Amino acid sequence: PTLREKAAADMIIYAPHRVTLAPH
């Protein structure tokens, strides 16, 4: 990744990072 792409990843925050979903 370029510096610009790394900057994009560094600014993104999200949660949760893992989910378990029951049917539907």
PDB file of all heavy atoms in Angstrom:
ATOM      1  N   PRO A   1       0.818  -1.216   0.000  1.00  0.00           N
ATOM      2  CA  PRO A   1       0.000   0.000   0.000  1.00  0.00           C
ATOM      3  C   PRO A   1       0.847   1.260   0.000  1.00  0.00           C
ATOM      4  O   PRO A   1       1.931   1.318   0.588  1.00  0.00           O
ATOM      5  CB  PRO A   1      -0.816  -0.115   1.291  1.00  0.00           C
ATOM      6  CG  PRO A   1      -0.033  -1.051   2.152  1.00  0.00           C
ATOM      7  CD  PRO A   1       0.614  -2.012   1.218  1.00  0.00           C
ATOM      8  N   THR A   2       0.327   2.286  -0.685  1.00  0.00           N
ATOM      9  CA  THR A   2       0.978   3.588  -0.704  1.00  0.00           C
ATOM     10  C   THR A   2       0.709   4.317   0.610  1.00  0.00           C
ATOM     11  O   THR A   2      -0.115   3.892   1.433  1.00  0.00           O
ATOM     12  CB  THR A   2       0.439   4.426  -1.865  1.00  0.00           C
ATOM     13  OG1 THR A   2      -0.968   4.675  -1.636  1.00  0.00           O
ATOM     14  CG2 THR A   2       0.607   3.701  -3.202  1.00  0.00           C
ATOM     15  N   LEU A   3       1.400   5.435   0.799  1.00  0.00           N
ATOM     16  CA  LEU A   3       1.160   6.238   2.001  1.00  0.00           C
ATOM     17  C   LEU A   3      -0.283   6.713   2.057  1.00  0.00           C
ATOM     18  O   LEU A   3      -0.882   6.787   3.141  1.00  0.00           O
ATOM     19  CB  LEU A   3       2.125   7.432   2.019  1.00  0.00           C
ATOM     20  CG  LEU A   3       3.610   7.098   2.224  1.00  0.00           C
ATOM     21  CD1 LEU A   3       4.448   8.368   2.138  1.00  0.00           C
ATOM     22  CD2 LEU A   3       3.830   6.405   3.570  1.00  0.00           C
ATOM     23  N   ARG A   4      -0.843   7.031   0.908  1.00  0.00           N
ATOM     24  CA  ARG A   4      -2.236   7.488   0.866  1.00  0.00           C
ATOM     25  C   ARG A   4      -3.178   6.361   1.268  1.00  0.00           C
ATOM     26  O   ARG A   4      -4.145   6.573   2.019  1.00  0.00           O
ATOM     27  CB  ARG A   4      -2.570   7.999  -0.533  1.00  0.00           C
ATOM     28  CG  ARG A   4      -3.928   8.679  -0.639  1.00  0.00           C
ATOM     29  CD  ARG A   4      -4.181   9.178  -2.056  1.00  0.00           C
ATOM     30  NE  ARG A   4      -5.312  10.073  -2.091  1.00  0.00           N
ATOM     31  CZ  ARG A   4      -5.256  11.364  -1.866  1.00  0.00           C
ATOM     32  NH1 ARG A   4      -4.099  11.940  -1.581  1.00  0.00           N
ATOM     33  NH2 ARG A   4      -6.341  12.116  -1.926  1.00  0.00           N
ATOM     34  N   GLU A   5      -2.922   5.150   0.799  1.00  0.00           N
ATOM     35  CA  GLU A   5      -3.759   4.020   1.173  1.00  0.00           C
ATOM     36  C   GLU A   5      -3.620   3.701   2.655  1.00  0.00           C
ATOM     37  O   GLU A   5      -4.610   3.393   3.336  1.00  0.00           O
ATOM     38  CB  GLU A   5      -3.394   2.806   0.312  1.00  0.00           C
ATOM     39  CG  GLU A   5      -3.852   2.956  -1.132  1.00  0.00           C
ATOM     40  CD  GLU A   5      -3.231   1.928  -2.064  1.00  0.00           C
ATOM     41  OE1 GLU A   5      -2.100   1.445  -1.769  1.00  0.00           O
ATOM     42  OE2 GLU A   5      -3.853   1.619  -3.097  1.00  0.00           O
ATOM     43  N   LYS A   6      -2.404   3.778   3.186  1.00  0.00           N
ATOM     44  CA  LYS A   6      -2.207   3.555   4.614  1.00  0.00           C
ATOM     45  C   LYS A   6      -2.930   4.612   5.437  1.00  0.00           C
ATOM     46  O   LYS A   6      -3.500   4.309   6.498  1.00  0.00           O
ATOM     47  CB  LYS A   6      -0.721   3.555   4.939  1.00  0.00           C
ATOM     48  CG  LYS A   6       0.045   2.359   4.389  1.00  0.00           C
ATOM     49  CD  LYS A   6       1.527   2.477   4.718  1.00  0.00           C
ATOM     50  CE  LYS A   6       2.310   1.294   4.170  1.00  0.00           C
ATOM     51  NZ  LYS A   6       3.767   1.409   4.438  1.00  0.00           N
ATOM     52  N   ALA A   7      -2.925   5.858   4.957  1.00  0.00           N
ATOM     53  CA  ALA A   7      -3.632   6.923   5.669  1.00  0.00           C
ATOM     54  C   ALA A   7      -5.126   6.646   5.708  1.00  0.00           C
ATOM     55  O   ALA A   7      -5.798   6.916   6.719  1.00  0.00           O
ATOM     56  CB  ALA A   7      -3.350   8.273   5.002  1.00  0.00           C
ATOM     57  N   ALA A   8      -5.665   6.081   4.615  1.00  0.00           N
ATOM     58  CA  ALA A   8      -7.089   5.734   4.582  1.00  0.00           C
ATOM     59  C   ALA A   8      -7.410   4.675   5.626  1.00  0.00           C
ATOM     60  O   ALA A   8      -8.395   4.782   6.374  1.00  0.00           O
ATOM     61  CB  ALA A   8      -7.471   5.244   3.187  1.00  0.00           C
ATOM     62  N   ALA A   9      -6.571   3.644   5.710  1.00  0.00           N
ATOM     63  CA  ALA A   9      -6.822   2.577   6.682  1.00  0.00           C
ATOM     64  C   ALA A   9      -6.691   3.088   8.112  1.00  0.00           C
ATOM     65  O   ALA A   9      -7.457   2.686   8.994  1.00  0.00           O
ATOM     66  CB  ALA A   9      -5.856   1.420   6.438  1.00  0.00           C
ATOM     67  N   ASP A  10      -5.739   3.968   8.351  1.00  0.00           N
ATOM     68  CA  ASP A  10      -5.504   4.464   9.707  1.00  0.00           C
ATOM     69  C   ASP A  10      -6.667   5.295  10.235  1.00  0.00           C
ATOM     70  O   ASP A  10      -6.885   5.355  11.452  1.00  0.00           O
ATOM     71  CB  ASP A  10      -4.222   5.302   9.746  1.00  0.00           C
ATOM     72  CG  ASP A  10      -2.967   4.454   9.579  1.00  0.00           C
ATOM     73  OD1 ASP A  10      -3.058   3.231   9.753  1.00  0.00           O
ATOM     74  OD2 ASP A  10      -1.907   5.025   9.262  1.00  0.00           O
ATOM     75  N   MET A  11      -7.416   5.947   9.340  1.00  0.00           N
ATOM     76  CA  MET A  11      -8.488   6.824   9.819  1.00  0.00           C
ATOM     77  C   MET A  11      -9.835   6.114   9.968  1.00  0.00           C
ATOM     78  O   MET A  11     -10.765   6.677  10.536  1.00  0.00           O
ATOM     79  CB  MET A  11      -8.625   8.039   8.894  1.00  0.00           C
ATOM     80  CG  MET A  11      -9.315   7.761   7.580  1.00  0.00           C
ATOM     81  SD  MET A  11      -9.576   9.276   6.611  1.00  0.00           S
ATOM     82  CE  MET A  11      -7.995   9.434   5.783  1.00  0.00           C
ATOM     83  N   ILE A  12      -9.949   4.877   9.459  1.00  0.00           N
ATOM     84  CA  ILE A  12     -11.214   4.152   9.542  1.00  0.00           C
ATOM     85  C   ILE A  12     -11.317   3.443  10.889  1.00  0.00           C
ATOM     86  O   ILE A  12     -10.417   2.700  11.294  1.00  0.00           O
ATOM     87  CB  ILE A  12     -11.322   3.116   8.404  1.00  0.00           C
ATOM     88  CG1 ILE A  12     -11.321   3.810   7.036  1.00  0.00           C
ATOM     89  CG2 ILE A  12     -12.586   2.269   8.566  1.00  0.00           C
ATOM     90  CD1 ILE A  12     -12.490   4.725   6.806  1.00  0.00           C
ATOM     91  N   ILE A  13     -12.421   3.678  11.594  1.00  0.00           N
ATOM     92  CA  ILE A  13     -12.697   2.967  12.836  1.00  0.00           C
ATOM     93  C   ILE A  13     -14.052   2.284  12.700  1.00  0.00           C
ATOM     94  O   ILE A  13     -14.984   2.830  12.102  1.00  0.00           O
ATOM     95  CB  ILE A  13     -12.682   3.910  14.057  1.00  0.00           C
ATOM     96  CG1 ILE A  13     -13.687   5.064  13.876  1.00  0.00           C
ATOM     97  CG2 ILE A  13     -11.292   4.462  14.293  1.00  0.00           C
ATOM     98  CD1 ILE A  13     -13.812   5.940  15.110  1.00  0.00           C
ATOM     99  N   TYR A  14     -14.149   1.073  13.243  1.00  0.00           N
ATOM    100  CA  TYR A  14     -15.401   0.322  13.143  1.00  0.00           C
ATOM    101  C   TYR A  14     -15.469  -0.690  14.279  1.00  0.00           C
ATOM    102  O   TYR A  14     -14.459  -1.085  14.863  1.00  0.00           O
ATOM    103  CB  TYR A  14     -15.518  -0.381  11.787  1.00  0.00           C
ATOM    104  CG  TYR A  14     -14.430  -1.386  11.519  1.00  0.00           C
ATOM    105  CD1 TYR A  14     -14.612  -2.742  11.800  1.00  0.00           C
ATOM    106  CD2 TYR A  14     -13.197  -0.992  11.004  1.00  0.00           C
ATOM    107  CE1 TYR A  14     -13.608  -3.660  11.569  1.00  0.00           C
ATOM    108  CE2 TYR A  14     -12.193  -1.903  10.764  1.00  0.00           C
ATOM    109  CZ  TYR A  14     -12.402  -3.239  11.048  1.00  0.00           C
ATOM    110  OH  TYR A  14     -11.396  -4.144  10.818  1.00  0.00           O
ATOM    111  N   ALA A  15     -16.686  -1.118  14.585  1.00  0.00           N
ATOM    112  CA  ALA A  15     -16.900  -2.123  15.636  1.00  0.00           C
ATOM    113  C   ALA A  15     -18.286  -2.736  15.418  1.00  0.00           C
ATOM    114  O   ALA A  15     -19.222  -2.052  14.988  1.00  0.00           O
ATOM    115  CB  ALA A  15     -16.810  -1.478  17.023  1.00  0.00           C
ATOM    116  N   PRO A  16     -18.410  -4.055  15.720  1.00  0.00           N
ATOM    117  CA  PRO A  16     -17.365  -4.974  16.160  1.00  0.00           C
ATOM    118  C   PRO A  16     -16.514  -5.468  14.991  1.00  0.00           C
ATOM    119  O   PRO A  16     -16.813  -5.187  13.838  1.00  0.00           O
ATOM    120  CB  PRO A  16     -18.168  -6.127  16.777  1.00  0.00           C
ATOM    121  CG  PRO A  16     -19.436  -6.133  15.989  1.00  0.00           C
ATOM    122  CD  PRO A  16     -19.748  -4.688  15.703  1.00  0.00           C
ATOM    123  N   HIS A  17     -15.451  -6.219  15.307  1.00  0.00           N
ATOM    124  CA  HIS A  17     -14.563  -6.775  14.292  1.00  0.00           C
ATOM    125  C   HIS A  17     -14.907  -8.221  13.960  1.00  0.00           C
ATOM    126  O   HIS A  17     -14.319  -8.789  13.036  1.00  0.00           O
ATOM    127  CB  HIS A  17     -13.111  -6.697  14.762  1.00  0.00           C
ATOM    128  CG  HIS A  17     -12.579  -5.297  14.757  1.00  0.00           C
ATOM    129  ND1 HIS A  17     -11.247  -5.009  14.596  1.00  0.00           N
ATOM    130  CD2 HIS A  17     -13.188  -4.087  14.896  1.00  0.00           C
ATOM    131  CE1 HIS A  17     -11.057  -3.695  14.634  1.00  0.00           C
ATOM    132  NE2 HIS A  17     -12.232  -3.129  14.826  1.00  0.00           N
ATOM    133  N   ARG A  18     -15.821  -8.795  14.720  1.00  0.00           N
ATOM    134  CA  ARG A  18     -16.228 -10.183  14.502  1.00  0.00           C
ATOM    135  C   ARG A  18     -17.646 -10.336  15.003  1.00  0.00           C
ATOM    136  O   ARG A  18     -17.985  -9.833  16.082  1.00  0.00           O
ATOM    137  CB  ARG A  18     -15.271 -11.131  15.227  1.00  0.00           C
ATOM    138  CG  ARG A  18     -15.644 -12.611  15.162  1.00  0.00           C
ATOM    139  CD  ARG A  18     -14.586 -13.416  15.889  1.00  0.00           C
ATOM    140  NE  ARG A  18     -14.991 -14.816  16.041  1.00  0.00           N
ATOM    141  CZ  ARG A  18     -14.179 -15.842  15.845  1.00  0.00           C
ATOM    142  NH1 ARG A  18     -12.928 -15.639  15.501  1.00  0.00           N
ATOM    143  NH2 ARG A  18     -14.616 -17.080  16.017  1.00  0.00           N
ATOM    144  N   VAL A  19     -18.489 -11.025  14.226  1.00  0.00           N
ATOM    145  CA  VAL A  19     -19.880 -11.222  14.626  1.00  0.00           C
ATOM    146  C   VAL A  19     -20.287 -12.663  14.371  1.00  0.00           C
ATOM    147  O   VAL A  19     -19.806 -13.297  13.432  1.00  0.00           O
ATOM    148  CB  VAL A  19     -20.845 -10.278  13.877  1.00  0.00           C
ATOM    149  CG1 VAL A  19     -20.566  -8.832  14.204  1.00  0.00           C
ATOM    150  CG2 VAL A  19     -20.793 -10.508  12.376  1.00  0.00           C
ATOM    151  N   THR A  20     -21.155 -13.171  15.225  1.00  0.00           N
ATOM    152  CA  THR A  20     -21.805 -14.461  15.011  1.00  0.00           C
ATOM    153  C   THR A  20     -23.293 -14.201  14.911  1.00  0.00           C
ATOM    154  O   THR A  20     -23.898 -13.631  15.830  1.00  0.00           O
ATOM    155  CB  THR A  20     -21.503 -15.443  16.157  1.00  0.00           C
ATOM    156  OG1 THR A  20     -20.093 -15.694  16.199  1.00  0.00           O
ATOM    157  CG2 THR A  20     -22.227 -16.759  15.933  1.00  0.00           C
ATOM    158  N   LEU A  21     -23.882 -14.612  13.785  1.00  0.00           N
ATOM    159  CA  LEU A  21     -25.281 -14.321  13.517  1.00  0.00           C
ATOM    160  C   LEU A  21     -26.088 -15.610  13.501  1.00  0.00           C
ATOM    161  O   LEU A  21     -25.733 -16.575  12.813  1.00  0.00           O
ATOM    162  CB  LEU A  21     -25.439 -13.612  12.165  1.00  0.00           C
ATOM    163  CG  LEU A  21     -24.675 -12.303  11.974  1.00  0.00           C
ATOM    164  CD1 LEU A  21     -24.914 -11.757  10.572  1.00  0.00           C
ATOM    165  CD2 LEU A  21     -25.107 -11.280  13.016  1.00  0.00           C
ATOM    166  N   ALA A  22     -27.171 -15.618  14.260  1.00  0.00           N
ATOM    167  CA  ALA A  22     -28.126 -16.717  14.165  1.00  0.00           C
ATOM    168  C   ALA A  22     -28.864 -16.612  12.835  1.00  0.00           C
ATOM    169  O   ALA A  22     -28.837 -15.561  12.182  1.00  0.00           O
ATOM    170  CB  ALA A  22     -29.107 -16.649  15.336  1.00  0.00           C
ATOM    171  N   PRO A  23     -29.524 -17.668  12.394  1.00  0.00           N
ATOM    172  CA  PRO A  23     -30.275 -17.588  11.134  1.00  0.00           C
ATOM    173  C   PRO A  23     -31.276 -16.435  11.139  1.00  0.00           C
ATOM    174  O   PRO A  23     -31.998 -16.227  12.113  1.00  0.00           O
ATOM    175  CB  PRO A  23     -30.984 -18.949  11.062  1.00  0.00           C
ATOM    176  CG  PRO A  23     -30.107 -19.869  11.857  1.00  0.00           C
ATOM    177  CD  PRO A  23     -29.565 -19.023  12.976  1.00  0.00           C
ATOM    178  N   HIS A  24     -31.246 -15.660  10.066  1.00  0.00           N
ATOM    179  CA  HIS A  24     -32.174 -14.536   9.857  1.00  0.00           C
ATOM    180  C   HIS A  24     -32.015 -13.455  10.917  1.00  0.00           C
ATOM    181  O   HIS A  24     -32.959 -12.722  11.226  1.00  0.00           O
ATOM    182  CB  HIS A  24     -33.623 -15.034   9.805  1.00  0.00           C
ATOM    183  CG  HIS A  24     -33.817 -16.167   8.838  1.00  0.00           C
ATOM    184  ND1 HIS A  24     -33.762 -15.993   7.476  1.00  0.00           N
ATOM    185  CD2 HIS A  24     -34.016 -17.493   9.052  1.00  0.00           C
ATOM    186  CE1 HIS A  24     -33.943 -17.164   6.877  1.00  0.00           C
ATOM    187  NE2 HIS A  24     -34.098 -18.094   7.815  1.00  0.00           N
TER     188      HIS A  24
END
